[in-house]
Amino acid sequence: MKKVIIPNSALCVMLVMMLVLGEVSLSMAVTCNALELSPCLPAITTGSAPSETCCVKLKEQESCLCGFAKDPNLRKYLLSPNAKKVATSCGIPIPTC
């Protein structure tokens, strides 16, 4: 069997690529912004079916929901029965914070 020797320069390039790719994935993290959920407001306030845009935004902000629930101004919306219906309709698990 033939041994493959990787030059040091190739190892350095691979290491740099791994670091760059790691930074890219970190920079793509979600920025929590409750205003992103504004397409869901009609469904939450009226009990109507959520729009596709609402579900997309809800999925994007899913990791932020517990933080939003701690805000007294947002809490009443996020903990309402209609909000739970919206989450269920969009396939988002209701967070236990």
PDB file of N, CA and C in Angstrom:
ATOM      1  N   MET A   1       0.843  -1.160   0.000  1.00  0.00           N
ATOM      2  CA  MET A   1       0.000   0.000   0.000  1.00  0.00           C
ATOM      3  C   MET A   1       0.898   1.235   0.000  1.00  0.00           C
ATOM      4  N   LYS A   2       0.525   2.193  -0.791  1.00  0.00           N
ATOM      5  CA  LYS A   2       1.309   3.406  -0.942  1.00  0.00           C
ATOM      6  C   LYS A   2       0.879   4.434   0.106  1.00  0.00           C
ATOM      7  N   LYS A   3       1.830   5.045   0.791  1.00  0.00           N
ATOM      8  CA  LYS A   3       1.522   6.074   1.775  1.00  0.00           C
ATOM      9  C   LYS A   3       1.371   7.410   1.069  1.00  0.00           C
ATOM     10  N   VAL A   4       0.356   8.146   1.489  1.00  0.00           N
ATOM     11  CA  VAL A   4       0.140   9.478   0.943  1.00  0.00           C
ATOM     12  C   VAL A   4       0.675  10.486   1.945  1.00  0.00           C
ATOM     13  N   ILE A   5       1.553  11.333   1.487  1.00  0.00           N
ATOM     14  CA  ILE A   5       2.129  12.358   2.351  1.00  0.00           C
ATOM     15  C   ILE A   5       1.525  13.700   1.947  1.00  0.00           C
ATOM     16  N   ILE A   6       0.924  14.353   2.905  1.00  0.00           N
ATOM     17  CA  ILE A   6       0.313  15.659   2.649  1.00  0.00           C
ATOM     18  C   ILE A   6       1.316  16.734   3.059  1.00  0.00           C
ATOM     19  N   PRO A   7       1.649  17.624   2.133  1.00  0.00           N
ATOM     20  CA  PRO A   7       2.592  18.692   2.469  1.00  0.00           C
ATOM     21  C   PRO A   7       2.032  19.615   3.544  1.00  0.00           C
ATOM     22  N   ASN A   8       2.927  20.242   4.302  1.00  0.00           N
ATOM     23  CA  ASN A   8       2.512  21.147   5.373  1.00  0.00           C
ATOM     24  C   ASN A   8       1.637  22.281   4.851  1.00  0.00           C
ATOM     25  N   SER A   9       1.919  22.767   3.659  1.00  0.00           N
ATOM     26  CA  SER A   9       1.125  23.870   3.109  1.00  0.00           C
ATOM     27  C   SER A   9      -0.324  23.422   2.888  1.00  0.00           C
ATOM     28  N   ALA A  10      -0.531  22.192   2.477  1.00  0.00           N
ATOM     29  CA  ALA A  10      -1.885  21.684   2.276  1.00  0.00           C
ATOM     30  C   ALA A  10      -2.610  21.576   3.614  1.00  0.00           C
ATOM     31  N   LEU A  11      -1.899  21.151   4.642  1.00  0.00           N
ATOM     32  CA  LEU A  11      -2.515  21.073   5.970  1.00  0.00           C
ATOM     33  C   LEU A  11      -2.917  22.459   6.461  1.00  0.00           C
ATOM     34  N   CYS A  12      -2.060  23.445   6.204  1.00  0.00           N
ATOM     35  CA  CYS A  12      -2.381  24.818   6.611  1.00  0.00           C
ATOM     36  C   CYS A  12      -3.615  25.321   5.876  1.00  0.00           C
ATOM     37  N   VAL A  13      -3.702  25.036   4.591  1.00  0.00           N
ATOM     38  CA  VAL A  13      -4.856  25.464   3.814  1.00  0.00           C
ATOM     39  C   VAL A  13      -6.121  24.800   4.347  1.00  0.00           C
ATOM     40  N   MET A  14      -6.049  23.524   4.655  1.00  0.00           N
ATOM     41  CA  MET A  14      -7.208  22.812   5.180  1.00  0.00           C
ATOM     42  C   MET A  14      -7.627  23.395   6.531  1.00  0.00           C
ATOM     43  N   LEU A  15      -6.662  23.709   7.375  1.00  0.00           N
ATOM     44  CA  LEU A  15      -6.963  24.280   8.682  1.00  0.00           C
ATOM     45  C   LEU A  15      -7.635  25.641   8.537  1.00  0.00           C
ATOM     46  N   VAL A  16      -7.113  26.475   7.659  1.00  0.00           N
ATOM     47  CA  VAL A  16      -7.702  27.798   7.424  1.00  0.00           C
ATOM     48  C   VAL A  16      -9.125  27.655   6.901  1.00  0.00           C
ATOM     49  N   MET A  17      -9.349  26.719   5.979  1.00  0.00           N
ATOM     50  CA  MET A  17     -10.685  26.501   5.436  1.00  0.00           C
ATOM     51  C   MET A  17     -11.665  26.083   6.533  1.00  0.00           C
ATOM     52  N   MET A  18     -11.219  25.218   7.419  1.00  0.00           N
ATOM     53  CA  MET A  18     -12.079  24.769   8.509  1.00  0.00           C
ATOM     54  C   MET A  18     -12.435  25.944   9.426  1.00  0.00           C
ATOM     55  N   LEU A  19     -11.467  26.795   9.705  1.00  0.00           N
ATOM     56  CA  LEU A  19     -11.722  27.953  10.553  1.00  0.00           C
ATOM     57  C   LEU A  19     -12.681  28.928   9.879  1.00  0.00           C
ATOM     58  N   VAL A  20     -12.478  29.163   8.592  1.00  0.00           N
ATOM     59  CA  VAL A  20     -13.348  30.083   7.853  1.00  0.00           C
ATOM     60  C   VAL A  20     -14.765  29.539   7.801  1.00  0.00           C
ATOM     61  N   LEU A  21     -14.920  28.271   7.491  1.00  0.00           N
ATOM     62  CA  LEU A  21     -16.253  27.681   7.426  1.00  0.00           C
ATOM     63  C   LEU A  21     -16.937  27.702   8.786  1.00  0.00           C
ATOM     64  N   GLY A  22     -16.165  27.509   9.829  1.00  0.00           N
ATOM     65  CA  GLY A  22     -16.722  27.583  11.175  1.00  0.00           C
ATOM     66  C   GLY A  22     -17.222  28.982  11.488  1.00  0.00           C
ATOM     67  N   GLU A  23     -16.487  30.003  11.072  1.00  0.00           N
ATOM     68  CA  GLU A  23     -16.907  31.387  11.280  1.00  0.00           C
ATOM     69  C   GLU A  23     -18.149  31.709  10.483  1.00  0.00           C
ATOM     70  N   VAL A  24     -18.256  31.182   9.293  1.00  0.00           N
ATOM     71  CA  VAL A  24     -19.426  31.439   8.465  1.00  0.00           C
ATOM     72  C   VAL A  24     -20.675  30.907   9.137  1.00  0.00           C
ATOM     73  N   SER A  25     -20.607  29.700   9.669  1.00  0.00           N
ATOM     74  CA  SER A  25     -21.788  29.131  10.306  1.00  0.00           C
ATOM     75  C   SER A  25     -22.152  29.902  11.567  1.00  0.00           C
ATOM     76  N   LEU A  26     -21.168  30.437  12.278  1.00  0.00           N
ATOM     77  CA  LEU A  26     -21.469  31.225  13.457  1.00  0.00           C
ATOM     78  C   LEU A  26     -22.120  32.546  13.083  1.00  0.00           C
ATOM     79  N   SER A  27     -21.693  33.146  11.994  1.00  0.00           N
ATOM     80  CA  SER A  27     -22.243  34.434  11.608  1.00  0.00           C
ATOM     81  C   SER A  27     -23.657  34.312  11.067  1.00  0.00           C
ATOM     82  N   MET A  28     -24.098  33.100  10.743  1.00  0.00           N
ATOM     83  CA  MET A  28     -25.435  32.895  10.213  1.00  0.00           C
ATOM     84  C   MET A  28     -26.441  32.607  11.332  1.00  0.00           C
ATOM     85  N   ALA A  29     -26.027  32.797  12.578  1.00  0.00           N
ATOM     86  CA  ALA A  29     -26.921  32.558  13.698  1.00  0.00           C
ATOM     87  C   ALA A  29     -28.078  33.551  13.655  1.00  0.00           C
ATOM     88  N   VAL A  30     -29.178  33.159  14.233  1.00  0.00           N
ATOM     89  CA  VAL A  30     -30.380  33.990  14.226  1.00  0.00           C
ATOM     90  C   VAL A  30     -30.203  35.174  15.164  1.00  0.00           C
ATOM     91  N   THR A  31     -30.632  36.327  14.716  1.00  0.00           N
ATOM     92  CA  THR A  31     -30.710  37.495  15.566  1.00  0.00           C
ATOM     93  C   THR A  31     -32.140  37.568  16.069  1.00  0.00           C
ATOM     94  N   CYS A  32     -32.303  37.500  17.362  1.00  0.00           N
ATOM     95  CA  CYS A  32     -33.646  37.510  17.943  1.00  0.00           C
ATOM     96  C   CYS A  32     -34.269  38.888  17.773  1.00  0.00           C
ATOM     97  N   ASN A  33     -35.388  38.916  17.092  1.00  0.00           N
ATOM     98  CA  ASN A  33     -36.096  40.157  16.835  1.00  0.00           C
ATOM     99  C   ASN A  33     -37.586  39.837  16.790  1.00  0.00           C
ATOM    100  N   ALA A  34     -38.300  40.270  17.809  1.00  0.00           N
ATOM    101  CA  ALA A  34     -39.732  39.970  17.905  1.00  0.00           C
ATOM    102  C   ALA A  34     -40.515  40.554  16.741  1.00  0.00           C
ATOM    103  N   LEU A  35     -40.027  41.629  16.145  1.00  0.00           N
ATOM    104  CA  LEU A  35     -40.726  42.224  15.004  1.00  0.00           C
ATOM    105  C   LEU A  35     -40.761  41.287  13.800  1.00  0.00           C
ATOM    106  N   GLU A  36     -39.849  40.325  13.758  1.00  0.00           N
ATOM    107  CA  GLU A  36     -39.851  39.337  12.679  1.00  0.00           C
ATOM    108  C   GLU A  36     -41.123  38.473  12.721  1.00  0.00           C
ATOM    109  N   LEU A  37     -41.768  38.438  13.876  1.00  0.00           N
ATOM    110  CA  LEU A  37     -42.976  37.626  14.027  1.00  0.00           C
ATOM    111  C   LEU A  37     -44.250  38.401  13.704  1.00  0.00           C
ATOM    112  N   SER A  38     -44.126  39.623  13.205  1.00  0.00           N
ATOM    113  CA  SER A  38     -45.317  40.425  12.900  1.00  0.00           C
ATOM    114  C   SER A  38     -46.271  39.753  11.906  1.00  0.00           C
ATOM    115  N   PRO A  39     -45.791  38.915  10.953  1.00  0.00           N
ATOM    116  CA  PRO A  39     -46.751  38.218  10.096  1.00  0.00           C
ATOM    117  C   PRO A  39     -47.663  37.252  10.867  1.00  0.00           C
ATOM    118  N   CYS A  40     -47.294  36.914  12.086  1.00  0.00           N
ATOM    119  CA  CYS A  40     -48.094  35.991  12.894  1.00  0.00           C
ATOM    120  C   CYS A  40     -49.138  36.712  13.746  1.00  0.00           C
ATOM    121  N   LEU A  41     -49.034  38.009  13.851  1.00  0.00           N
ATOM    122  CA  LEU A  41     -49.932  38.746  14.737  1.00  0.00           C
ATOM    123  C   LEU A  41     -51.406  38.557  14.412  1.00  0.00           C
ATOM    124  N   PRO A  42     -51.820  38.605  13.139  1.00  0.00           N
ATOM    125  CA  PRO A  42     -53.249  38.377  12.866  1.00  0.00           C
ATOM    126  C   PRO A  42     -53.733  36.997  13.344  1.00  0.00           C
ATOM    127  N   ALA A  43     -52.937  35.975  13.125  1.00  0.00           N
ATOM    128  CA  ALA A  43     -53.333  34.627  13.548  1.00  0.00           C
ATOM    129  C   ALA A  43     -53.378  34.516  15.064  1.00  0.00           C
ATOM    130  N   ILE A  44     -52.452  35.183  15.736  1.00  0.00           N
ATOM    131  CA  ILE A  44     -52.409  35.114  17.199  1.00  0.00           C
ATOM    132  C   ILE A  44     -53.559  35.904  17.815  1.00  0.00           C
ATOM    133  N   THR A  45     -53.880  37.052  17.243  1.00  0.00           N
ATOM    134  CA  THR A  45     -54.926  37.888  17.839  1.00  0.00           C
ATOM    135  C   THR A  45     -56.339  37.459  17.468  1.00  0.00           C
ATOM    136  N   THR A  46     -56.498  36.821  16.305  1.00  0.00           N
ATOM    137  CA  THR A  46     -57.852  36.462  15.871  1.00  0.00           C
ATOM    138  C   THR A  46     -58.136  34.964  15.890  1.00  0.00           C
ATOM    139  N   GLY A  47     -57.094  34.169  15.971  1.00  0.00           N
ATOM    140  CA  GLY A  47     -57.286  32.723  15.946  1.00  0.00           C
ATOM    141  C   GLY A  47     -57.384  32.151  14.541  1.00  0.00           C
ATOM    142  N   SER A  48     -57.100  32.979  13.526  1.00  0.00           N
ATOM    143  CA  SER A  48     -57.136  32.490  12.143  1.00  0.00           C
ATOM    144  C   SER A  48     -55.917  31.620  11.861  1.00  0.00           C
ATOM    145  N   ALA A  49     -55.934  30.964  10.729  1.00  0.00           N
ATOM    146  CA  ALA A  49     -54.808  30.103  10.345  1.00  0.00           C
ATOM    147  C   ALA A  49     -53.579  30.970  10.040  1.00  0.00           C
ATOM    148  N   PRO A  50     -52.398  30.520  10.443  1.00  0.00           N
ATOM    149  CA  PRO A  50     -51.195  31.301  10.156  1.00  0.00           C
ATOM    150  C   PRO A  50     -50.835  31.240   8.677  1.00  0.00           C
ATOM    151  N   SER A  51     -50.230  32.307   8.198  1.00  0.00           N
ATOM    152  CA  SER A  51     -49.754  32.347   6.812  1.00  0.00           C
ATOM    153  C   SER A  51     -48.458  31.559   6.696  1.00  0.00           C
ATOM    154  N   GLU A  52     -48.082  31.273   5.469  1.00  0.00           N
ATOM    155  CA  GLU A  52     -46.804  30.589   5.230  1.00  0.00           C
ATOM    156  C   GLU A  52     -45.646  31.450   5.720  1.00  0.00           C
ATOM    157  N   THR A  53     -45.750  32.763   5.498  1.00  0.00           N
ATOM    158  CA  THR A  53     -44.705  33.682   5.962  1.00  0.00           C
ATOM    159  C   THR A  53     -44.586  33.636   7.473  1.00  0.00           C
ATOM    160  N   CYS A  54     -45.719  33.574   8.159  1.00  0.00           N
ATOM    161  CA  CYS A  54     -45.708  33.466   9.614  1.00  0.00           C
ATOM    162  C   CYS A  54     -44.933  32.224  10.049  1.00  0.00           C
ATOM    163  N   CYS A  55     -45.233  31.101   9.436  1.00  0.00           N
ATOM    164  CA  CYS A  55     -44.565  29.847   9.818  1.00  0.00           C
ATOM    165  C   CYS A  55     -43.068  29.899   9.547  1.00  0.00           C
ATOM    166  N   VAL A  56     -42.672  30.483   8.434  1.00  0.00           N
ATOM    167  CA  VAL A  56     -41.241  30.612   8.113  1.00  0.00           C
ATOM    168  C   VAL A  56     -40.548  31.453   9.178  1.00  0.00           C
ATOM    169  N   LYS A  57     -41.149  32.590   9.503  1.00  0.00           N
ATOM    170  CA  LYS A  57     -40.549  33.489  10.498  1.00  0.00           C
ATOM    171  C   LYS A  57     -40.541  32.847  11.882  1.00  0.00           C
ATOM    172  N   LEU A  58     -41.596  32.129  12.203  1.00  0.00           N
ATOM    173  CA  LEU A  58     -41.662  31.461  13.497  1.00  0.00           C
ATOM    174  C   LEU A  58     -40.556  30.409  13.618  1.00  0.00           C
ATOM    175  N   LYS A  59     -40.314  29.673  12.540  1.00  0.00           N
ATOM    176  CA  LYS A  59     -39.242  28.676  12.553  1.00  0.00           C
ATOM    177  C   LYS A  59     -37.878  29.348  12.684  1.00  0.00           C
ATOM    178  N   GLU A  60     -37.705  30.493  12.026  1.00  0.00           N
ATOM    179  CA  GLU A  60     -36.442  31.227  12.128  1.00  0.00           C
ATOM    180  C   GLU A  60     -36.192  31.708  13.555  1.00  0.00           C
ATOM    181  N   GLN A  61     -37.234  32.135  14.230  1.00  0.00           N
ATOM    182  CA  GLN A  61     -37.109  32.720  15.564  1.00  0.00           C
ATOM    183  C   GLN A  61     -37.367  31.713  16.689  1.00  0.00           C
ATOM    184  N   GLU A  62     -37.495  30.450  16.342  1.00  0.00           N
ATOM    185  CA  GLU A  62     -37.841  29.418  17.334  1.00  0.00           C
ATOM    186  C   GLU A  62     -36.923  29.429  18.547  1.00  0.00           C
ATOM    187  N   SER A  63     -35.638  29.584  18.334  1.00  0.00           N
ATOM    188  CA  SER A  63     -34.691  29.558  19.451  1.00  0.00           C
ATOM    189  C   SER A  63     -34.814  30.791  20.346  1.00  0.00           C
ATOM    190  N   CYS A  64     -35.553  31.780  19.916  1.00  0.00           N
ATOM    191  CA  CYS A  64     -35.703  33.030  20.652  1.00  0.00           C
ATOM    192  C   CYS A  64     -36.988  33.086  21.483  1.00  0.00           C
ATOM    193  N   LEU A  65     -37.882  32.143  21.307  1.00  0.00           N
ATOM    194  CA  LEU A  65     -39.211  32.228  21.895  1.00  0.00           C
ATOM    195  C   LEU A  65     -39.199  32.335  23.423  1.00  0.00           C
ATOM    196  N   CYS A  66     -38.333  31.604  24.086  1.00  0.00           N
ATOM    197  CA  CYS A  66     -38.280  31.694  25.546  1.00  0.00           C
ATOM    198  C   CYS A  66     -37.834  33.085  25.992  1.00  0.00           C
ATOM    199  N   GLY A  67     -36.892  33.649  25.269  1.00  0.00           N
ATOM    200  CA  GLY A  67     -36.464  35.012  25.574  1.00  0.00           C
ATOM    201  C   GLY A  67     -37.586  36.010  25.376  1.00  0.00           C
ATOM    202  N   PHE A  68     -38.354  35.837  24.310  1.00  0.00           N
ATOM    203  CA  PHE A  68     -39.490  36.721  24.065  1.00  0.00           C
ATOM    204  C   PHE A  68     -40.529  36.579  25.173  1.00  0.00           C
ATOM    205  N   ALA A  69     -40.735  35.364  25.651  1.00  0.00           N
ATOM    206  CA  ALA A  69     -41.752  35.111  26.681  1.00  0.00           C
ATOM    207  C   ALA A  69     -41.388  35.780  28.006  1.00  0.00           C
ATOM    208  N   LYS A  70     -40.123  36.094  28.199  1.00  0.00           N
ATOM    209  CA  LYS A  70     -39.696  36.776  29.429  1.00  0.00           C
ATOM    210  C   LYS A  70     -40.006  38.270  29.383  1.00  0.00           C
ATOM    211  N   ASP A  71     -40.265  38.797  28.196  1.00  0.00           N
ATOM    212  CA  ASP A  71     -40.596  40.212  28.031  1.00  0.00           C
ATOM    213  C   ASP A  71     -42.072  40.407  28.374  1.00  0.00           C
ATOM    214  N   PRO A  72     -42.384  41.231  29.385  1.00  0.00           N
ATOM    215  CA  PRO A  72     -43.787  41.413  29.784  1.00  0.00           C
ATOM    216  C   PRO A  72     -44.677  41.933  28.654  1.00  0.00           C
ATOM    217  N   ASN A  73     -44.113  42.681  27.713  1.00  0.00           N
ATOM    218  CA  ASN A  73     -44.904  43.205  26.596  1.00  0.00           C
ATOM    219  C   ASN A  73     -45.263  42.127  25.577  1.00  0.00           C
ATOM    220  N   LEU A  74     -44.449  41.089  25.485  1.00  0.00           N
ATOM    221  CA  LEU A  74     -44.673  40.029  24.501  1.00  0.00           C
ATOM    222  C   LEU A  74     -45.321  38.792  25.108  1.00  0.00           C
ATOM    223  N   ARG A  75     -45.153  38.639  26.391  1.00  0.00           N
ATOM    224  CA  ARG A  75     -45.594  37.435  27.095  1.00  0.00           C
ATOM    225  C   ARG A  75     -47.056  37.085  26.818  1.00  0.00           C
ATOM    226  N   LYS A  76     -47.945  38.090  26.887  1.00  0.00           N
ATOM    227  CA  LYS A  76     -49.380  37.818  26.723  1.00  0.00           C
ATOM    228  C   LYS A  76     -49.692  37.258  25.339  1.00  0.00           C
ATOM    229  N   TYR A  77     -48.898  37.658  24.342  1.00  0.00           N
ATOM    230  CA  TYR A  77     -49.125  37.138  22.988  1.00  0.00           C
ATOM    231  C   TYR A  77     -48.578  35.718  22.841  1.00  0.00           C
ATOM    232  N   LEU A  78     -47.378  35.508  23.360  1.00  0.00           N
ATOM    233  CA  LEU A  78     -46.718  34.213  23.176  1.00  0.00           C
ATOM    234  C   LEU A  78     -47.312  33.087  24.010  1.00  0.00           C
ATOM    235  N   LEU A  79     -47.945  33.440  25.099  1.00  0.00           N
ATOM    236  CA  LEU A  79     -48.521  32.414  25.967  1.00  0.00           C
ATOM    237  C   LEU A  79     -50.026  32.258  25.773  1.00  0.00           C
ATOM    238  N   SER A  80     -50.579  32.947  24.785  1.00  0.00           N
ATOM    239  CA  SER A  80     -52.020  32.864  24.541  1.00  0.00           C
ATOM    240  C   SER A  80     -52.373  31.534  23.877  1.00  0.00           C
ATOM    241  N   PRO A  81     -53.616  31.099  24.035  1.00  0.00           N
ATOM    242  CA  PRO A  81     -54.054  29.857  23.376  1.00  0.00           C
ATOM    243  C   PRO A  81     -53.898  29.919  21.845  1.00  0.00           C
ATOM    244  N   ASN A  82     -54.152  31.095  21.266  1.00  0.00           N
ATOM    245  CA  ASN A  82     -54.008  31.216  19.811  1.00  0.00           C
ATOM    246  C   ASN A  82     -52.553  31.071  19.372  1.00  0.00           C
ATOM    247  N   ALA A  83     -51.625  31.555  20.173  1.00  0.00           N
ATOM    248  CA  ALA A  83     -50.210  31.413  19.834  1.00  0.00           C
ATOM    249  C   ALA A  83     -49.816  29.936  19.837  1.00  0.00           C
ATOM    250  N   LYS A  84     -50.374  29.197  20.761  1.00  0.00           N
ATOM    251  CA  LYS A  84     -50.102  27.751  20.813  1.00  0.00           C
ATOM    252  C   LYS A  84     -50.677  27.050  19.584  1.00  0.00           C
ATOM    253  N   LYS A  85     -51.858  27.514  19.131  1.00  0.00           N
ATOM    254  CA  LYS A  85     -52.444  26.956  17.909  1.00  0.00           C
ATOM    255  C   LYS A  85     -51.579  27.267  16.694  1.00  0.00           C
ATOM    256  N   VAL A  86     -51.051  28.495  16.649  1.00  0.00           N
ATOM    257  CA  VAL A  86     -50.183  28.898  15.533  1.00  0.00           C
ATOM    258  C   VAL A  86     -48.935  28.028  15.524  1.00  0.00           C
ATOM    259  N   ALA A  87     -48.319  27.856  16.682  1.00  0.00           N
ATOM    260  CA  ALA A  87     -47.112  27.030  16.767  1.00  0.00           C
ATOM    261  C   ALA A  87     -47.395  25.606  16.302  1.00  0.00           C
ATOM    262  N   THR A  88     -48.491  25.054  16.753  1.00  0.00           N
ATOM    263  CA  THR A  88     -48.865  23.693  16.354  1.00  0.00           C
ATOM    264  C   THR A  88     -49.115  23.618  14.857  1.00  0.00           C
ATOM    265  N   SER A  89     -49.833  24.600  14.312  1.00  0.00           N
ATOM    266  CA  SER A  89     -50.118  24.618  12.861  1.00  0.00           C
ATOM    267  C   SER A  89     -48.843  24.713  12.048  1.00  0.00           C
ATOM    268  N   CYS A  90     -47.856  25.420  12.571  1.00  0.00           N
ATOM    269  CA  CYS A  90     -46.587  25.600  11.855  1.00  0.00           C
ATOM    270  C   CYS A  90     -45.602  24.464  12.118  1.00  0.00           C
ATOM    271  N   GLY A  91     -45.971  23.532  12.983  1.00  0.00           N
ATOM    272  CA  GLY A  91     -45.076  22.411  13.275  1.00  0.00           C
ATOM    273  C   GLY A  91     -43.938  22.787  14.197  1.00  0.00           C
ATOM    274  N   ILE A  92     -44.146  23.805  15.019  1.00  0.00           N
ATOM    275  CA  ILE A  92     -43.129  24.258  15.972  1.00  0.00           C
ATOM    276  C   ILE A  92     -43.514  23.712  17.344  1.00  0.00           C
ATOM    277  N   PRO A  93     -42.604  23.021  18.010  1.00  0.00           N
ATOM    278  CA  PRO A  93     -42.929  22.544  19.347  1.00  0.00           C
ATOM    279  C   PRO A  93     -43.101  23.736  20.309  1.00  0.00           C
ATOM    280  N   ILE A  94     -44.075  23.644  21.158  1.00  0.00           N
ATOM    281  CA  ILE A  94     -44.306  24.707  22.130  1.00  0.00           C
ATOM    282  C   ILE A  94     -43.193  24.619  23.174  1.00  0.00           C
ATOM    283  N   PRO A  95     -42.427  25.723  23.310  1.00  0.00           N
ATOM    284  CA  PRO A  95     -41.268  25.656  24.210  1.00  0.00           C
ATOM    285  C   PRO A  95     -41.687  25.588  25.679  1.00  0.00           C
ATOM    286  N   THR A  96     -40.904  24.876  26.435  1.00  0.00           N
ATOM    287  CA  THR A  96     -41.089  24.852  27.892  1.00  0.00           C
ATOM    288  C   THR A  96     -39.922  25.639  28.472  1.00  0.00           C
ATOM    289  N   CYS A  97     -40.227  26.827  28.872  1.00  0.00           N
ATOM    290  CA  CYS A  97     -39.175  27.741  29.344  1.00  0.00           C
ATOM    291  C   CYS A  97     -39.089  27.715  30.864  1.00  0.00           C
TER     292      CYS A  97
END
